[in-house]
Amino acid sequence: MAGSQIANVKTKNIHRKNIQHAYNFDGIEICQKAFFNIYKFGEKRWRNLKSHFSENDIKLKTHNLKGKKPHNAFSFDVVLKVITFMLNYAKIHGLPSGNSYN
C-alpha cells in the first residue's frame, strides 16, 4: 500500500504542508503508475480516497443515496392494485394460451 510522510515547508513566509507518498507492493517500493495499475484505479480515485481519509480517518465510504427510494419507484399500494387488477382480469377473461396465434 501507500505510506505518507508530511514535511513542513516554508516558502515566501507561508507555511505549507508537503505530503510525500511511498508506494509499496509486496514490500518493494514501486512508482505511482505501477501502483495505480496494480490496484486498478486512477489519479481521480486516488485524490478522492486521500481527501476522504484526511477528513474521516478510517471510515467506510457510503453512497449518498443509501436509504433513499429512487424517483421512479412505485408505492406498495400501487403495486397491490396492479396485481389485484391482473388477477381479476385473468379470472374474467382467462389467460391466453401460448400456442394460439389469434
C-alpha atoms as a PDB file:
ATOM      1  CA  MET A   1       0.000   0.000   0.000  1.00  0.00           C
ATOM      2  CA  ALA A   2       0.998   3.622   0.156  1.00  0.00           C
ATOM      3  CA  GLY A   3       2.715   5.312   3.066  1.00  0.00           C
ATOM      4  CA  SER A   4       2.707   9.065   3.657  1.00  0.00           C
ATOM      5  CA  GLN A   5       5.288  11.452   5.022  1.00  0.00           C
ATOM      6  CA  ILE A   6       4.444  15.049   5.908  1.00  0.00           C
ATOM      7  CA  ALA A   7       7.119  17.722   5.527  1.00  0.00           C
ATOM      8  CA  ASN A   8       6.615  21.313   6.673  1.00  0.00           C
ATOM      9  CA  VAL A   9       7.874  23.723   4.018  1.00  0.00           C
ATOM     10  CA  LYS A  10       8.218  27.489   4.314  1.00  0.00           C
ATOM     11  CA  THR A  11       8.219  29.489   1.069  1.00  0.00           C
ATOM     12  CA  LYS A  12       7.756  33.258   0.826  1.00  0.00           C
ATOM     13  CA  ASN A  13       6.824  33.450   4.525  1.00  0.00           C
ATOM     14  CA  ILE A  14       3.994  30.936   4.005  1.00  0.00           C
ATOM     15  CA  HIS A  15       3.969  27.649   5.907  1.00  0.00           C
ATOM     16  CA  ARG A  16       2.775  24.717   3.803  1.00  0.00           C
ATOM     17  CA  LYS A  17       2.484  21.005   4.351  1.00  0.00           C
ATOM     18  CA  ASN A  18       4.060  18.903   1.661  1.00  0.00           C
ATOM     19  CA  ILE A  19       2.833  15.308   1.703  1.00  0.00           C
ATOM     20  CA  GLN A  20       5.040  12.737   0.016  1.00  0.00           C
ATOM     21  CA  HIS A  21       3.878   9.195  -0.676  1.00  0.00           C
ATOM     22  CA  ALA A  22       5.888   5.996  -0.922  1.00  0.00           C
ATOM     23  CA  TYR A  23       4.142   3.280  -2.961  1.00  0.00           C
ATOM     24  CA  ASN A  24       4.857  -0.342  -1.997  1.00  0.00           C
ATOM     25  CA  PHE A  25       3.779  -3.717  -3.331  1.00  0.00           C
ATOM     26  CA  ASP A  26       4.872  -6.913  -1.541  1.00  0.00           C
ATOM     27  CA  GLY A  27       7.430  -4.893   0.412  1.00  0.00           C
ATOM     28  CA  ILE A  28       9.043  -3.443  -2.722  1.00  0.00           C
ATOM     29  CA  GLU A  29       8.913   0.274  -3.414  1.00  0.00           C
ATOM     30  CA  ILE A  30       7.325   0.970  -6.814  1.00  0.00           C
ATOM     31  CA  CYS A  31       6.389   4.025  -8.860  1.00  0.00           C
ATOM     32  CA  GLN A  32       2.960   5.664  -8.710  1.00  0.00           C
ATOM     33  CA  LYS A  33       1.970   4.484 -12.192  1.00  0.00           C
ATOM     34  CA  ALA A  34       2.657   0.840 -11.309  1.00  0.00           C
ATOM     35  CA  PHE A  35       0.778   1.263  -8.005  1.00  0.00           C
ATOM     36  CA  PHE A  36      -2.301   2.582  -9.816  1.00  0.00           C
ATOM     37  CA  ASN A  37      -2.132  -0.228 -12.369  1.00  0.00           C
ATOM     38  CA  ILE A  38      -1.823  -2.962  -9.715  1.00  0.00           C
ATOM     39  CA  TYR A  39      -4.719  -1.658  -7.607  1.00  0.00           C
ATOM     40  CA  LYS A  40      -6.813  -0.679 -10.680  1.00  0.00           C
ATOM     41  CA  PHE A  41      -7.610   2.956 -10.014  1.00  0.00           C
ATOM     42  CA  GLY A  42      -6.599   6.299 -11.443  1.00  0.00           C
ATOM     43  CA  GLU A  43      -5.500   9.711 -10.281  1.00  0.00           C
ATOM     44  CA  LYS A  44      -9.046  10.955  -9.579  1.00  0.00           C
ATOM     45  CA  ARG A  45      -9.943   7.927  -7.439  1.00  0.00           C
ATOM     46  CA  TRP A  46      -6.652   8.340  -5.548  1.00  0.00           C
ATOM     47  CA  ARG A  47      -7.401  12.026  -4.835  1.00  0.00           C
ATOM     48  CA  ASN A  48     -10.908  11.112  -3.632  1.00  0.00           C
ATOM     49  CA  LEU A  49      -9.559   8.421  -1.299  1.00  0.00           C
ATOM     50  CA  LYS A  50      -6.899  10.754   0.112  1.00  0.00           C
ATOM     51  CA  SER A  51      -9.421  13.532   0.796  1.00  0.00           C
ATOM     52  CA  HIS A  52     -11.891  11.064   2.371  1.00  0.00           C
ATOM     53  CA  PHE A  53      -9.135   9.671   4.592  1.00  0.00           C
ATOM     54  CA  SER A  54      -7.944  13.117   5.657  1.00  0.00           C
ATOM     55  CA  GLU A  55     -11.499  14.198   6.569  1.00  0.00           C
ATOM     56  CA  ASN A  56     -12.927  10.959   8.025  1.00  0.00           C
ATOM     57  CA  ASP A  57      -9.873   8.909   9.064  1.00  0.00           C
ATOM     58  CA  ILE A  58     -10.539   5.182   8.618  1.00  0.00           C
ATOM     59  CA  LYS A  59     -14.282   5.044   7.998  1.00  0.00           C
ATOM     60  CA  LEU A  60     -16.209   3.265   5.255  1.00  0.00           C
ATOM     61  CA  LYS A  61     -17.413   5.359   2.361  1.00  0.00           C
ATOM     62  CA  THR A  62     -21.176   5.154   1.903  1.00  0.00           C
ATOM     63  CA  HIS A  63     -23.135   6.148  -1.150  1.00  0.00           C
ATOM     64  CA  ASN A  64     -25.045   9.416  -0.804  1.00  0.00           C
ATOM     65  CA  LEU A  65     -28.307   7.820  -1.967  1.00  0.00           C
ATOM     66  CA  LYS A  66     -28.156   4.946   0.534  1.00  0.00           C
ATOM     67  CA  GLY A  67     -31.540   4.509   2.194  1.00  0.00           C
ATOM     68  CA  LYS A  68     -33.401   6.736  -0.270  1.00  0.00           C
ATOM     69  CA  LYS A  69     -36.031   5.496  -2.703  1.00  0.00           C
ATOM     70  CA  PRO A  70     -35.500   6.037  -6.421  1.00  0.00           C
ATOM     71  CA  HIS A  71     -37.544   8.813  -8.030  1.00  0.00           C
ATOM     72  CA  ASN A  72     -39.367   6.289 -10.239  1.00  0.00           C
ATOM     73  CA  ALA A  73     -40.298   3.780  -7.506  1.00  0.00           C
ATOM     74  CA  PHE A  74     -43.946   2.755  -7.090  1.00  0.00           C
ATOM     75  CA  SER A  75     -45.605   2.755  -3.684  1.00  0.00           C
ATOM     76  CA  PHE A  76     -46.696  -0.545  -2.187  1.00  0.00           C
ATOM     77  CA  ASP A  77     -50.395   0.364  -2.621  1.00  0.00           C
ATOM     78  CA  VAL A  78     -49.938   0.907  -6.377  1.00  0.00           C
ATOM     79  CA  VAL A  79     -48.185  -2.465  -6.738  1.00  0.00           C
ATOM     80  CA  LEU A  80     -51.018  -4.210  -4.859  1.00  0.00           C
ATOM     81  CA  LYS A  81     -53.652  -2.534  -7.073  1.00  0.00           C
ATOM     82  CA  VAL A  82     -51.839  -3.658 -10.251  1.00  0.00           C
ATOM     83  CA  ILE A  83     -51.534  -7.245  -9.013  1.00  0.00           C
ATOM     84  CA  THR A  84     -55.205  -7.304  -7.994  1.00  0.00           C
ATOM     85  CA  PHE A  85     -56.225  -5.928 -11.409  1.00  0.00           C
ATOM     86  CA  MET A  86     -54.169  -8.555 -13.237  1.00  0.00           C
ATOM     87  CA  LEU A  87     -55.602 -11.402 -11.159  1.00  0.00           C
ATOM     88  CA  ASN A  88     -59.200 -10.156 -11.650  1.00  0.00           C
ATOM     89  CA  TYR A  89     -58.625  -9.706 -15.410  1.00  0.00           C
ATOM     90  CA  ALA A  90     -57.248 -13.260 -15.632  1.00  0.00           C
ATOM     91  CA  LYS A  91     -60.281 -14.655 -13.758  1.00  0.00           C
ATOM     92  CA  ILE A  92     -62.769 -12.834 -16.005  1.00  0.00           C
ATOM     93  CA  HIS A  93     -61.128 -13.195 -19.417  1.00  0.00           C
ATOM     94  CA  GLY A  94     -58.909 -16.217 -18.845  1.00  0.00           C
ATOM     95  CA  LEU A  95     -55.222 -16.453 -19.533  1.00  0.00           C
ATOM     96  CA  PRO A  96     -54.183 -16.622 -23.206  1.00  0.00           C
ATOM     97  CA  SER A  97     -52.866 -19.931 -24.463  1.00  0.00           C
ATOM     98  CA  GLY A  98     -49.226 -19.953 -25.503  1.00  0.00           C
ATOM     99  CA  ASN A  99     -49.990 -21.827 -28.763  1.00  0.00           C
ATOM    100  CA  SER A 100     -52.768 -19.601 -30.132  1.00  0.00           C
ATOM    101  CA  TYR A 101     -51.915 -17.032 -32.805  1.00  0.00           C
ATOM    102  CA  ASN A 102     -55.319 -15.286 -32.999  1.00  0.00           C
END
